[in-house]
């Protein structure tokens, strides 16, 4: 067994990957590996080829964190706010 530290970051993009079903899949995948893996949920800001996409509403980030907690994740961090 290799002892390595891993953290996972998900950029939440409105209309692309912000559905509850998608967030549940991500959080269940992470918790299936190890509930102690830190999950960083990052806010999207419009830029370059996605300049017309709105920034991620803060309530979406809170919802993602709640879904992660329901999946049993112990370390959830909201960022890029």
Foldseek 3Di string as FASTA:
>chain_A
DDDDAAAEEDEDFPPPQLDLVSLLVVLLVVVVVPLAHEYEYEWDPADDPRNVGHIDDVVSLVSSVVSNVVSPRDHYHYDPD
